[in-house]
């Protein structure tokens, strides 16, 4: 019977140790969750700041789009003048139009990158 009491006592001690280990792990997990939550709040928590950022990004994209529209208008103007030009001027006009087309593509790419 003493052997049984000793086994029971050992089992109780093992359970106490396991409980301590679980409490430590739980505390660590709690700290990790709190840290993760703080990081999320830091990154996404300030809604007003995000609204301002979105508004500024919108203004930047509108500004970029205005530049693109100016270049498109310039491209249309140059393209319409190509019809009546000589072959040499046609080549020069085509190169200018090609460059403007590339600038328009780059402007659109900038807008896509900001979205």
PDB file of N, CA and C in Angstrom:
ATOM      1  N   UNK A   1       0.805  -1.186   0.000  1.00  0.00           N
ATOM      2  CA  UNK A   1       0.000   0.000   0.000  1.00  0.00           C
ATOM      3  C   UNK A   1       0.855   1.259   0.000  1.00  0.00           C
ATOM      4  N   UNK A   2       1.971   1.200   0.653  1.00  0.00           N
ATOM      5  CA  UNK A   2       2.870   2.348   0.658  1.00  0.00           C
ATOM      6  C   UNK A   2       3.335   2.627  -0.763  1.00  0.00           C
ATOM      7  N   UNK A   3       3.565   1.614  -1.480  1.00  0.00           N
ATOM      8  CA  UNK A   3       3.985   1.763  -2.874  1.00  0.00           C
ATOM      9  C   UNK A   3       2.927   2.514  -3.691  1.00  0.00           C
ATOM     10  N   UNK A   4       1.675   2.230  -3.431  1.00  0.00           N
ATOM     11  CA  UNK A   4       0.578   2.899  -4.126  1.00  0.00           C
ATOM     12  C   UNK A   4       0.511   4.375  -3.738  1.00  0.00           C
ATOM     13  N   UNK A   5       0.702   4.671  -2.450  1.00  0.00           N
ATOM     14  CA  UNK A   5       0.708   6.068  -1.995  1.00  0.00           C
ATOM     15  C   UNK A   5       1.871   6.822  -2.652  1.00  0.00           C
ATOM     16  N   UNK A   6       2.986   6.207  -2.750  1.00  0.00           N
ATOM     17  CA  UNK A   6       4.164   6.830  -3.362  1.00  0.00           C
ATOM     18  C   UNK A   6       3.928   7.086  -4.852  1.00  0.00           C
ATOM     19  N   UNK A   7       3.323   6.130  -5.515  1.00  0.00           N
ATOM     20  CA  UNK A   7       3.011   6.304  -6.940  1.00  0.00           C
ATOM     21  C   UNK A   7       2.036   7.455  -7.132  1.00  0.00           C
ATOM     22  N   UNK A   8       1.030   7.486  -6.267  1.00  0.00           N
ATOM     23  CA  UNK A   8       0.048   8.552  -6.358  1.00  0.00           C
ATOM     24  C   UNK A   8       0.699   9.908  -6.105  1.00  0.00           C
ATOM     25  N   UNK A   9       1.563   9.969  -5.121  1.00  0.00           N
ATOM     26  CA  UNK A   9       2.271  11.197  -4.790  1.00  0.00           C
ATOM     27  C   UNK A   9       3.152  11.637  -5.966  1.00  0.00           C
ATOM     28  N   UNK A  10       3.836  10.696  -6.586  1.00  0.00           N
ATOM     29  CA  UNK A  10       4.667  11.002  -7.748  1.00  0.00           C
ATOM     30  C   UNK A  10       3.814  11.516  -8.914  1.00  0.00           C
ATOM     31  N   UNK A  11       2.674  10.895  -9.111  1.00  0.00           N
ATOM     32  CA  UNK A  11       1.771  11.319 -10.179  1.00  0.00           C
ATOM     33  C   UNK A  11       1.290  12.750  -9.942  1.00  0.00           C
ATOM     34  N   UNK A  12       0.952  13.052  -8.683  1.00  0.00           N
ATOM     35  CA  UNK A  12       0.515  14.407  -8.338  1.00  0.00           C
ATOM     36  C   UNK A  12       1.637  15.401  -8.619  1.00  0.00           C
ATOM     37  N   UNK A  13       2.850  15.074  -8.264  1.00  0.00           N
ATOM     38  CA  UNK A  13       3.992  15.955  -8.511  1.00  0.00           C
ATOM     39  C   UNK A  13       4.205  16.162 -10.015  1.00  0.00           C
ATOM     40  N   UNK A  14       4.100  15.088 -10.779  1.00  0.00           N
ATOM     41  CA  UNK A  14       4.249  15.190 -12.242  1.00  0.00           C
ATOM     42  C   UNK A  14       3.174  16.103 -12.829  1.00  0.00           C
ATOM     43  N   UNK A  15       1.950  15.942 -12.333  1.00  0.00           N
ATOM     44  CA  UNK A  15       0.857  16.790 -12.820  1.00  0.00           C
ATOM     45  C   UNK A  15       1.076  18.254 -12.442  1.00  0.00           C
ATOM     46  N   UNK A  16       1.607  18.479 -11.258  1.00  0.00           N
ATOM     47  CA  UNK A  16       1.904  19.861 -10.846  1.00  0.00           C
ATOM     48  C   UNK A  16       2.970  20.463 -11.762  1.00  0.00           C
ATOM     49  N   UNK A  17       3.991  19.686 -12.077  1.00  0.00           N
ATOM     50  CA  UNK A  17       5.048  20.161 -12.974  1.00  0.00           C
ATOM     51  C   UNK A  17       4.491  20.436 -14.379  1.00  0.00           C
ATOM     52  N   UNK A  18       3.647  19.510 -14.833  1.00  0.00           N
ATOM     53  CA  UNK A  18       3.041  19.691 -16.152  1.00  0.00           C
ATOM     54  C   UNK A  18       2.155  20.929 -16.169  1.00  0.00           C
ATOM     55  N   UNK A  19       1.437  21.151 -15.058  1.00  0.00           N
ATOM     56  CA  UNK A  19       0.592  22.342 -14.951  1.00  0.00           C
ATOM     57  C   UNK A  19       1.452  23.608 -15.027  1.00  0.00           C
ATOM     58  N   UNK A  20       2.593  23.608 -14.318  1.00  0.00           N
ATOM     59  CA  UNK A  20       3.499  24.760 -14.365  1.00  0.00           C
ATOM     60  C   UNK A  20       3.997  24.996 -15.790  1.00  0.00           C
ATOM     61  N   UNK A  21       4.385  23.921 -16.472  1.00  0.00           N
ATOM     62  CA  UNK A  21       4.847  24.047 -17.858  1.00  0.00           C
ATOM     63  C   UNK A  21       3.764  24.627 -18.750  1.00  0.00           C
ATOM     64  N   UNK A  22       2.531  24.148 -18.577  1.00  0.00           N
ATOM     65  CA  UNK A  22       1.418  24.655 -19.373  1.00  0.00           C
ATOM     66  C   UNK A  22       1.132  26.120 -19.071  1.00  0.00           C
ATOM     67  N   UNK A  23       1.223  26.494 -17.797  1.00  0.00           N
ATOM     68  CA  UNK A  23       1.012  27.894 -17.423  1.00  0.00           C
ATOM     69  C   UNK A  23       2.070  28.787 -18.056  1.00  0.00           C
ATOM     70  N   UNK A  24       3.308  28.335 -18.092  1.00  0.00           N
ATOM     71  CA  UNK A  24       4.390  29.100 -18.712  1.00  0.00           C
ATOM     72  C   UNK A  24       4.140  29.231 -20.216  1.00  0.00           C
ATOM     73  N   UNK A  25       3.787  28.113 -20.836  1.00  0.00           N
ATOM     74  CA  UNK A  25       3.508  28.150 -22.283  1.00  0.00           C
ATOM     75  C   UNK A  25       2.328  29.062 -22.587  1.00  0.00           C
ATOM     76  N   UNK A  26       1.314  29.005 -21.742  1.00  0.00           N
ATOM     77  CA  UNK A  26       0.151  29.870 -21.921  1.00  0.00           C
ATOM     78  C   UNK A  26       0.536  31.338 -21.779  1.00  0.00           C
ATOM     79  N   UNK A  27       1.368  31.647 -20.820  1.00  0.00           N
ATOM     80  CA  UNK A  27       1.823  33.019 -20.620  1.00  0.00           C
ATOM     81  C   UNK A  27       2.634  33.506 -21.825  1.00  0.00           C
ATOM     82  N   UNK A  28       3.499  32.644 -22.337  1.00  0.00           N
ATOM     83  CA  UNK A  28       4.293  32.990 -23.526  1.00  0.00           C
ATOM     84  C   UNK A  28       3.371  33.231 -24.715  1.00  0.00           C
ATOM     85  N   UNK A  29       2.405  32.348 -24.899  1.00  0.00           N
ATOM     86  CA  UNK A  29       1.454  32.507 -26.007  1.00  0.00           C
ATOM     87  C   UNK A  29       0.671  33.813 -25.866  1.00  0.00           C
ATOM     88  N   UNK A  30       0.275  34.123 -24.651  1.00  0.00           N
ATOM     89  CA  UNK A  30      -0.460  35.371 -24.395  1.00  0.00           C
ATOM     90  C   UNK A  30       0.397  36.575 -24.771  1.00  0.00           C
ATOM     91  N   UNK A  31       1.660  36.562 -24.372  1.00  0.00           N
ATOM     92  CA  UNK A  31       2.568  37.667 -24.712  1.00  0.00           C
ATOM     93  C   UNK A  31       2.756  37.781 -26.220  1.00  0.00           C
ATOM     94  N   UNK A  32       2.876  36.644 -26.896  1.00  0.00           N
ATOM     95  CA  UNK A  32       3.029  36.663 -28.349  1.00  0.00           C
ATOM     96  C   UNK A  32       1.792  37.237 -29.028  1.00  0.00           C
ATOM     97  N   UNK A  33       0.617  36.852 -28.544  1.00  0.00           N
ATOM     98  CA  UNK A  33      -0.627  37.390 -29.109  1.00  0.00           C
ATOM     99  C   UNK A  33      -0.711  38.885 -28.868  1.00  0.00           C
ATOM    100  N   UNK A  34      -0.377  39.320 -27.657  1.00  0.00           N
ATOM    101  CA  UNK A  34      -0.405  40.758 -27.351  1.00  0.00           C
ATOM    102  C   UNK A  34       0.567  41.519 -28.235  1.00  0.00           C
ATOM    103  N   UNK A  35       1.746  40.954 -28.433  1.00  0.00           N
ATOM    104  CA  UNK A  35       2.746  41.605 -29.285  1.00  0.00           C
ATOM    105  C   UNK A  35       2.237  41.674 -30.728  1.00  0.00           C
ATOM    106  N   UNK A  36       1.665  40.580 -31.191  1.00  0.00           N
ATOM    107  CA  UNK A  36       1.114  40.563 -32.542  1.00  0.00           C
ATOM    108  C   UNK A  36      -0.017  41.566 -32.699  1.00  0.00           C
ATOM    109  N   UNK A  37      -0.860  41.654 -31.677  1.00  0.00           N
ATOM    110  CA  UNK A  37      -1.966  42.600 -31.715  1.00  0.00           C
ATOM    111  C   UNK A  37      -1.444  44.040 -31.757  1.00  0.00           C
ATOM    112  N   UNK A  38      -0.420  44.322 -30.954  1.00  0.00           N
ATOM    113  CA  UNK A  38       0.162  45.663 -30.968  1.00  0.00           C
ATOM    114  C   UNK A  38       0.719  46.008 -32.340  1.00  0.00           C
ATOM    115  N   UNK A  39       1.363  45.031 -32.966  1.00  0.00           N
ATOM    116  CA  UNK A  39       1.905  45.278 -34.310  1.00  0.00           C
ATOM    117  C   UNK A  39       0.786  45.550 -35.304  1.00  0.00           C
ATOM    118  N   UNK A  40      -0.297  44.788 -35.202  1.00  0.00           N
ATOM    119  CA  UNK A  40      -1.431  45.028 -36.098  1.00  0.00           C
ATOM    120  C   UNK A  40      -2.044  46.395 -35.858  1.00  0.00           C
ATOM    121  N   UNK A  41      -2.206  46.755 -34.589  1.00  0.00           N
ATOM    122  CA  UNK A  41      -2.752  48.077 -34.283  1.00  0.00           C
ATOM    123  C   UNK A  41      -1.830  49.177 -34.782  1.00  0.00           C
ATOM    124  N   UNK A  42      -0.538  48.944 -34.626  1.00  0.00           N
ATOM    125  CA  UNK A  42       0.448  49.924 -35.085  1.00  0.00           C
ATOM    126  C   UNK A  42       0.366  50.082 -36.596  1.00  0.00           C
ATOM    127  N   UNK A  43       0.200  48.963 -37.279  1.00  0.00           N
ATOM    128  CA  UNK A  43       0.192  48.992 -38.737  1.00  0.00           C
ATOM    129  C   UNK A  43      -1.156  49.426 -39.305  1.00  0.00           C
ATOM    130  N   UNK A  44      -2.241  48.939 -38.728  1.00  0.00           N
ATOM    131  CA  UNK A  44      -3.558  49.182 -39.310  1.00  0.00           C
ATOM    132  C   UNK A  44      -4.531  49.915 -38.393  1.00  0.00           C
ATOM    133  N   UNK A  45      -4.122  50.165 -37.185  1.00  0.00           N
ATOM    134  CA  UNK A  45      -5.058  50.661 -36.192  1.00  0.00           C
ATOM    135  C   UNK A  45      -5.566  52.071 -36.395  1.00  0.00           C
ATOM    136  N   UNK A  46      -4.750  52.952 -36.909  1.00  0.00           N
ATOM    137  CA  UNK A  46      -5.148  54.344 -37.016  1.00  0.00           C
ATOM    138  C   UNK A  46      -5.900  54.576 -38.325  1.00  0.00           C
ATOM    139  N   UNK A  47      -7.225  54.477 -38.259  1.00  0.00           N
ATOM    140  CA  UNK A  47      -8.050  54.609 -39.464  1.00  0.00           C
ATOM    141  C   UNK A  47      -7.937  55.999 -40.082  1.00  0.00           C
ATOM    142  N   UNK A  48      -7.849  57.018 -39.235  1.00  0.00           N
ATOM    143  CA  UNK A  48      -7.741  58.385 -39.756  1.00  0.00           C
ATOM    144  C   UNK A  48      -6.467  58.548 -40.581  1.00  0.00           C
ATOM    145  N   UNK A  49      -5.382  57.983 -40.080  1.00  0.00           N
ATOM    146  CA  UNK A  49      -4.116  58.060 -40.813  1.00  0.00           C
ATOM    147  C   UNK A  49      -4.251  57.375 -42.177  1.00  0.00           C
ATOM    148  N   UNK A  50      -4.911  56.209 -42.191  1.00  0.00           N
ATOM    149  CA  UNK A  50      -5.092  55.488 -43.457  1.00  0.00           C
ATOM    150  C   UNK A  50      -5.986  56.270 -44.409  1.00  0.00           C
ATOM    151  N   UNK A  51      -6.996  56.946 -43.877  1.00  0.00           N
ATOM    152  CA  UNK A  51      -7.859  57.771 -44.742  1.00  0.00           C
ATOM    153  C   UNK A  51      -7.047  58.889 -45.384  1.00  0.00           C
ATOM    154  N   UNK A  52      -6.192  59.519 -44.594  1.00  0.00           N
ATOM    155  CA  UNK A  52      -5.345  60.588 -45.123  1.00  0.00           C
ATOM    156  C   UNK A  52      -4.408  60.030 -46.193  1.00  0.00           C
ATOM    157  N   UNK A  53      -3.800  58.876 -45.899  1.00  0.00           N
ATOM    158  CA  UNK A  53      -2.901  58.263 -46.879  1.00  0.00           C
ATOM    159  C   UNK A  53      -3.631  57.944 -48.184  1.00  0.00           C
ATOM    160  N   UNK A  54      -4.837  57.394 -48.059  1.00  0.00           N
ATOM    161  CA  UNK A  54      -5.617  57.051 -49.251  1.00  0.00           C
ATOM    162  C   UNK A  54      -5.982  58.308 -50.034  1.00  0.00           C
ATOM    163  N   UNK A  55      -6.341  59.358 -49.310  1.00  0.00           N
ATOM    164  CA  UNK A  55      -6.687  60.616 -49.974  1.00  0.00           C
ATOM    165  C   UNK A  55      -5.474  61.173 -50.722  1.00  0.00           C
ATOM    166  N   UNK A  56      -4.312  61.148 -50.076  1.00  0.00           N
ATOM    167  CA  UNK A  56      -3.100  61.642 -50.727  1.00  0.00           C
ATOM    168  C   UNK A  56      -2.735  60.786 -51.936  1.00  0.00           C
ATOM    169  N   UNK A  57      -2.889  59.478 -51.807  1.00  0.00           N
ATOM    170  CA  UNK A  57      -2.601  58.584 -52.935  1.00  0.00           C
ATOM    171  C   UNK A  57      -3.545  58.879 -54.092  1.00  0.00           C
ATOM    172  N   UNK A  58      -4.808  59.144 -53.768  1.00  0.00           N
ATOM    173  CA  UNK A  58      -5.789  59.486 -54.807  1.00  0.00           C
ATOM    174  C   UNK A  58      -5.379  60.774 -55.522  1.00  0.00           C
ATOM    175  N   UNK A  59      -4.951  61.773 -54.748  1.00  0.00           N
ATOM    176  CA  UNK A  59      -4.522  63.035 -55.355  1.00  0.00           C
ATOM    177  C   UNK A  59      -3.300  62.829 -56.248  1.00  0.00           C
ATOM    178  N   UNK A  60      -2.361  62.003 -55.790  1.00  0.00           N
ATOM    179  CA  UNK A  60      -1.169  61.716 -56.592  1.00  0.00           C
ATOM    180  C   UNK A  60      -1.544  61.022 -57.889  1.00  0.00           C
ATOM    181  N   UNK A  61      -2.474  60.062 -57.821  1.00  0.00           N
ATOM    182  CA  UNK A  61      -2.894  59.359 -59.037  1.00  0.00           C
ATOM    183  C   UNK A  61      -3.622  60.297 -59.990  1.00  0.00           C
ATOM    184  N   UNK A  62      -4.465  61.184 -59.434  1.00  0.00           N
ATOM    185  CA  UNK A  62      -5.152  62.158 -60.286  1.00  0.00           C
ATOM    186  C   UNK A  62      -4.145  63.072 -60.977  1.00  0.00           C
ATOM    187  N   UNK A  63      -3.127  63.495 -60.239  1.00  0.00           N
ATOM    188  CA  UNK A  63      -2.080  64.346 -60.808  1.00  0.00           C
ATOM    189  C   UNK A  63      -1.342  63.600 -61.927  1.00  0.00           C
ATOM    190  N   UNK A  64      -1.017  62.337 -61.669  1.00  0.00           N
ATOM    191  CA  UNK A  64      -0.334  61.521 -62.677  1.00  0.00           C
ATOM    192  C   UNK A  64      -1.224  61.339 -63.904  1.00  0.00           C
ATOM    193  N   UNK A  65      -2.531  61.131 -63.663  1.00  0.00           N
ATOM    194  CA  UNK A  65      -3.453  60.960 -64.783  1.00  0.00           C
ATOM    195  C   UNK A  65      -3.554  62.245 -65.599  1.00  0.00           C
ATOM    196  N   UNK A  66      -3.550  63.402 -64.947  1.00  0.00           N
ATOM    197  CA  UNK A  66      -3.577  64.675 -65.671  1.00  0.00           C
ATOM    198  C   UNK A  66      -2.362  64.793 -66.593  1.00  0.00           C
ATOM    199  N   UNK A  67      -1.195  64.375 -66.094  1.00  0.00           N
ATOM    200  CA  UNK A  67       0.014  64.395 -66.933  1.00  0.00           C
ATOM    201  C   UNK A  67      -0.154  63.468 -68.134  1.00  0.00           C
ATOM    202  N   UNK A  68      -0.737  62.315 -67.885  1.00  0.00           N
ATOM    203  CA  UNK A  68      -0.954  61.355 -68.982  1.00  0.00           C
ATOM    204  C   UNK A  68      -1.902  61.944 -70.015  1.00  0.00           C
ATOM    205  N   UNK A  69      -2.971  62.580 -69.562  1.00  0.00           N
ATOM    206  CA  UNK A  69      -3.928  63.176 -70.506  1.00  0.00           C
ATOM    207  C   UNK A  69      -3.271  64.267 -71.348  1.00  0.00           C
ATOM    208  N   UNK A  70      -2.396  65.073 -70.720  1.00  0.00           N
ATOM    209  CA  UNK A  70      -1.672  66.094 -71.483  1.00  0.00           C
ATOM    210  C   UNK A  70      -0.821  65.447 -72.578  1.00  0.00           C
ATOM    211  N   UNK A  71      -0.134  64.371 -72.205  1.00  0.00           N
ATOM    212  CA  UNK A  71       0.704  63.681 -73.184  1.00  0.00           C
ATOM    213  C   UNK A  71      -0.139  63.043 -74.278  1.00  0.00           C
ATOM    214  N   UNK A  72      -1.295  62.515 -73.901  1.00  0.00           N
ATOM    215  CA  UNK A  72      -2.189  61.933 -74.910  1.00  0.00           C
ATOM    216  C   UNK A  72      -2.683  63.007 -75.874  1.00  0.00           C
ATOM    217  N   UNK A  73      -3.037  64.178 -75.337  1.00  0.00           N
ATOM    218  CA  UNK A  73      -3.471  65.278 -76.200  1.00  0.00           C
ATOM    219  C   UNK A  73      -2.346  65.689 -77.143  1.00  0.00           C
ATOM    220  N   UNK A  74      -1.129  65.772 -76.607  1.00  0.00           N
ATOM    221  CA  UNK A  74       0.037  66.102 -77.430  1.00  0.00           C
ATOM    222  C   UNK A  74       0.243  65.042 -78.505  1.00  0.00           C
ATOM    223  N   UNK A  75       0.080  63.783 -78.120  1.00  0.00           N
ATOM    224  CA  UNK A  75       0.232  62.674 -79.058  1.00  0.00           C
ATOM    225  C   UNK A  75      -0.815  62.766 -80.163  1.00  0.00           C
ATOM    226  N   UNK A  76      -2.057  63.052 -79.811  1.00  0.00           N
ATOM    227  CA  UNK A  76      -3.123  63.199 -80.813  1.00  0.00           C
ATOM    228  C   UNK A  76      -2.810  64.346 -81.766  1.00  0.00           C
ATOM    229  N   UNK A  77      -2.331  65.448 -81.190  1.00  0.00           N
ATOM    230  CA  UNK A  77      -2.008  66.624 -82.001  1.00  0.00           C
ATOM    231  C   UNK A  77      -0.896  66.293 -83.002  1.00  0.00           C
ATOM    232  N   UNK A  78       0.155  65.653 -82.520  1.00  0.00           N
ATOM    233  CA  UNK A  78       1.268  65.303 -83.396  1.00  0.00           C
ATOM    234  C   UNK A  78       0.843  64.267 -84.430  1.00  0.00           C
ATOM    235  N   UNK A  79       0.020  63.338 -84.031  1.00  0.00           N
ATOM    236  CA  UNK A  79      -0.432  62.309 -84.970  1.00  0.00           C
ATOM    237  C   UNK A  79      -1.293  62.916 -86.068  1.00  0.00           C
ATOM    238  N   UNK A  80      -2.119  63.900 -85.731  1.00  0.00           N
ATOM    239  CA  UNK A  80      -2.954  64.528 -86.753  1.00  0.00           C
ATOM    240  C   UNK A  80      -2.104  65.339 -87.728  1.00  0.00           C
ATOM    241  N   UNK A  81      -0.985  65.872 -87.255  1.00  0.00           N
ATOM    242  CA  UNK A  81      -0.095  66.629 -88.132  1.00  0.00           C
ATOM    243  C   UNK A  81       0.721  65.732 -89.035  1.00  0.00           C
ATOM    244  N   UNK A  82       0.807  64.463 -88.721  1.00  0.00           N
ATOM    245  CA  UNK A  82       1.591  63.534 -89.535  1.00  0.00           C
ATOM    246  C   UNK A  82       0.967  63.290 -90.904  1.00  0.00           C
ATOM    247  N   UNK A  83      -0.312  63.418 -90.991  1.00  0.00           N
ATOM    248  CA  UNK A  83      -1.008  63.109 -92.240  1.00  0.00           C
ATOM    249  C   UNK A  83      -0.518  63.994 -93.375  1.00  0.00           C
ATOM    250  N   UNK A  84      -0.271  65.243 -93.102  1.00  0.00           N
ATOM    251  CA  UNK A  84       0.123  66.190 -94.135  1.00  0.00           C
ATOM    252  C   UNK A  84       1.631  66.392 -94.223  1.00  0.00           C
ATOM    253  N   UNK A  85       2.436  65.632 -93.521  1.00  0.00           N
ATOM    254  CA  UNK A  85       3.873  65.846 -93.482  1.00  0.00           C
ATOM    255  C   UNK A  85       4.592  65.075 -94.569  1.00  0.00           C
ATOM    256  N   UNK A  86       5.814  65.520 -94.831  1.00  0.00           N
ATOM    257  CA  UNK A  86       6.675  64.794 -95.757  1.00  0.00           C
ATOM    258  C   UNK A  86       7.154  63.522 -95.077  1.00  0.00           C
ATOM    259  N   UNK A  87       7.823  62.656 -95.824  1.00  0.00           N
ATOM    260  CA  UNK A  87       8.288  61.385 -95.266  1.00  0.00           C
ATOM    261  C   UNK A  87       9.261  61.607 -94.114  1.00  0.00           C
ATOM    262  N   UNK A  88      10.174  62.582 -94.266  1.00  0.00           N
ATOM    263  CA  UNK A  88      11.141  62.847 -93.207  1.00  0.00           C
ATOM    264  C   UNK A  88      10.438  63.332 -91.940  1.00  0.00           C
ATOM    265  N   UNK A  89       9.540  64.267 -92.127  1.00  0.00           N
ATOM    266  CA  UNK A  89       8.796  64.778 -90.977  1.00  0.00           C
ATOM    267  C   UNK A  89       7.896  63.696 -90.400  1.00  0.00           C
ATOM    268  N   UNK A  90       7.424  62.814 -91.278  1.00  0.00           N
ATOM    269  CA  UNK A  90       6.601  61.704 -90.819  1.00  0.00           C
ATOM    270  C   UNK A  90       7.401  60.814 -89.863  1.00  0.00           C
ATOM    271  N   UNK A  91       8.655  60.519 -90.234  1.00  0.00           N
ATOM    272  CA  UNK A  91       9.524  59.699 -89.387  1.00  0.00           C
ATOM    273  C   UNK A  91       9.795  60.403 -88.054  1.00  0.00           C
ATOM    274  N   UNK A  92      10.104  61.702 -88.097  1.00  0.00           N
ATOM    275  CA  UNK A  92      10.350  62.461 -86.871  1.00  0.00           C
ATOM    276  C   UNK A  92       9.106  62.488 -85.987  1.00  0.00           C
ATOM    277  N   UNK A  93       7.978  62.691 -86.638  1.00  0.00           N
ATOM    278  CA  UNK A  93       6.720  62.720 -85.885  1.00  0.00           C
ATOM    279  C   UNK A  93       6.412  61.366 -85.259  1.00  0.00           C
ATOM    280  N   UNK A  94       6.696  60.310 -86.019  1.00  0.00           N
ATOM    281  CA  UNK A  94       6.452  58.970 -85.506  1.00  0.00           C
ATOM    282  C   UNK A  94       7.319  58.695 -84.277  1.00  0.00           C
ATOM    283  N   UNK A  95       8.593  59.082 -84.325  1.00  0.00           N
ATOM    284  CA  UNK A  95       9.483  58.883 -83.183  1.00  0.00           C
ATOM    285  C   UNK A  95       8.982  59.667 -81.965  1.00  0.00           C
ATOM    286  N   UNK A  96       8.564  60.897 -82.194  1.00  0.00           N
ATOM    287  CA  UNK A  96       8.045  61.705 -81.085  1.00  0.00           C
ATOM    288  C   UNK A  96       6.778  61.065 -80.509  1.00  0.00           C
ATOM    289  N   UNK A  97       5.919  60.590 -81.397  1.00  0.00           N
ATOM    290  CA  UNK A  97       4.676  59.952 -80.956  1.00  0.00           C
ATOM    291  C   UNK A  97       4.988  58.661 -80.188  1.00  0.00           C
ATOM    292  N   UNK A  98       5.981  57.902 -80.655  1.00  0.00           N
ATOM    293  CA  UNK A  98       6.364  56.660 -79.985  1.00  0.00           C
ATOM    294  C   UNK A  98       6.874  56.955 -78.568  1.00  0.00           C
ATOM    295  N   UNK A  99       7.698  57.999 -78.464  1.00  0.00           N
ATOM    296  CA  UNK A  99       8.218  58.370 -77.142  1.00  0.00           C
ATOM    297  C   UNK A  99       7.086  58.807 -76.206  1.00  0.00           C
ATOM    298  N   UNK A 100       6.170  59.587 -76.745  1.00  0.00           N
ATOM    299  CA  UNK A 100       5.035  60.012 -75.927  1.00  0.00           C
ATOM    300  C   UNK A 100       4.202  58.800 -75.496  1.00  0.00           C
ATOM    301  N   UNK A 101       4.037  57.863 -76.409  1.00  0.00           N
ATOM    302  CA  UNK A 101       3.301  56.642 -76.077  1.00  0.00           C
ATOM    303  C   UNK A 101       3.968  55.886 -74.937  1.00  0.00           C
ATOM    304  N   UNK A 102       5.297  55.817 -74.949  1.00  0.00           N
ATOM    305  CA  UNK A 102       6.039  55.160 -73.868  1.00  0.00           C
ATOM    306  C   UNK A 102       5.849  55.903 -72.554  1.00  0.00           C
ATOM    307  N   UNK A 103       5.862  57.237 -72.608  1.00  0.00           N
ATOM    308  CA  UNK A 103       5.656  58.022 -71.397  1.00  0.00           C
ATOM    309  C   UNK A 103       4.258  57.784 -70.819  1.00  0.00           C
ATOM    310  N   UNK A 104       3.278  57.667 -71.711  1.00  0.00           N
ATOM    311  CA  UNK A 104       1.916  57.382 -71.267  1.00  0.00           C
ATOM    312  C   UNK A 104       1.873  56.020 -70.581  1.00  0.00           C
ATOM    313  N   UNK A 105       2.527  55.013 -71.187  1.00  0.00           N
ATOM    314  CA  UNK A 105       2.567  53.678 -70.575  1.00  0.00           C
ATOM    315  C   UNK A 105       3.229  53.728 -69.199  1.00  0.00           C
ATOM    316  N   UNK A 106       4.311  54.486 -69.079  1.00  0.00           N
ATOM    317  CA  UNK A 106       5.009  54.598 -67.794  1.00  0.00           C
ATOM    318  C   UNK A 106       4.116  55.272 -66.748  1.00  0.00           C
ATOM    319  N   UNK A 107       3.372  56.292 -67.181  1.00  0.00           N
ATOM    320  CA  UNK A 107       2.463  56.974 -66.253  1.00  0.00           C
ATOM    321  C   UNK A 107       1.376  56.042 -65.757  1.00  0.00           C
ATOM    322  N   UNK A 108       0.838  55.244 -66.666  1.00  0.00           N
ATOM    323  CA  UNK A 108      -0.196  54.278 -66.270  1.00  0.00           C
ATOM    324  C   UNK A 108       0.396  53.240 -65.332  1.00  0.00           C
ATOM    325  N   UNK A 109       1.636  52.809 -65.593  1.00  0.00           N
ATOM    326  CA  UNK A 109       2.299  51.840 -64.717  1.00  0.00           C
ATOM    327  C   UNK A 109       2.476  52.427 -63.315  1.00  0.00           C
ATOM    328  N   UNK A 110       2.802  53.718 -63.220  1.00  0.00           N
ATOM    329  CA  UNK A 110       2.960  54.357 -61.907  1.00  0.00           C
ATOM    330  C   UNK A 110       1.646  54.313 -61.141  1.00  0.00           C
ATOM    331  N   UNK A 111       0.547  54.572 -61.862  1.00  0.00           N
ATOM    332  CA  UNK A 111      -0.761  54.548 -61.215  1.00  0.00           C
ATOM    333  C   UNK A 111      -1.077  53.140 -60.721  1.00  0.00           C
ATOM    334  N   UNK A 112      -0.793  52.127 -61.550  1.00  0.00           N
ATOM    335  CA  UNK A 112      -1.045  50.738 -61.143  1.00  0.00           C
ATOM    336  C   UNK A 112      -0.218  50.366 -59.920  1.00  0.00           C
ATOM    337  N   UNK A 113       1.036  50.847 -59.880  1.00  0.00           N
ATOM    338  CA  UNK A 113       1.905  50.540 -58.731  1.00  0.00           C
ATOM    339  C   UNK A 113       1.368  51.142 -57.440  1.00  0.00           C
ATOM    340  N   UNK A 114       0.689  52.264 -57.535  1.00  0.00           N
ATOM    341  CA  UNK A 114       0.196  52.926 -56.337  1.00  0.00           C
ATOM    342  C   UNK A 114      -1.120  52.336 -55.851  1.00  0.00           C
ATOM    343  N   UNK A 115      -1.751  51.548 -56.675  1.00  0.00           N
ATOM    344  CA  UNK A 115      -3.042  50.964 -56.291  1.00  0.00           C
ATOM    345  C   UNK A 115      -2.834  49.755 -55.422  1.00  0.00           C
TER     346      UNK A 115
END
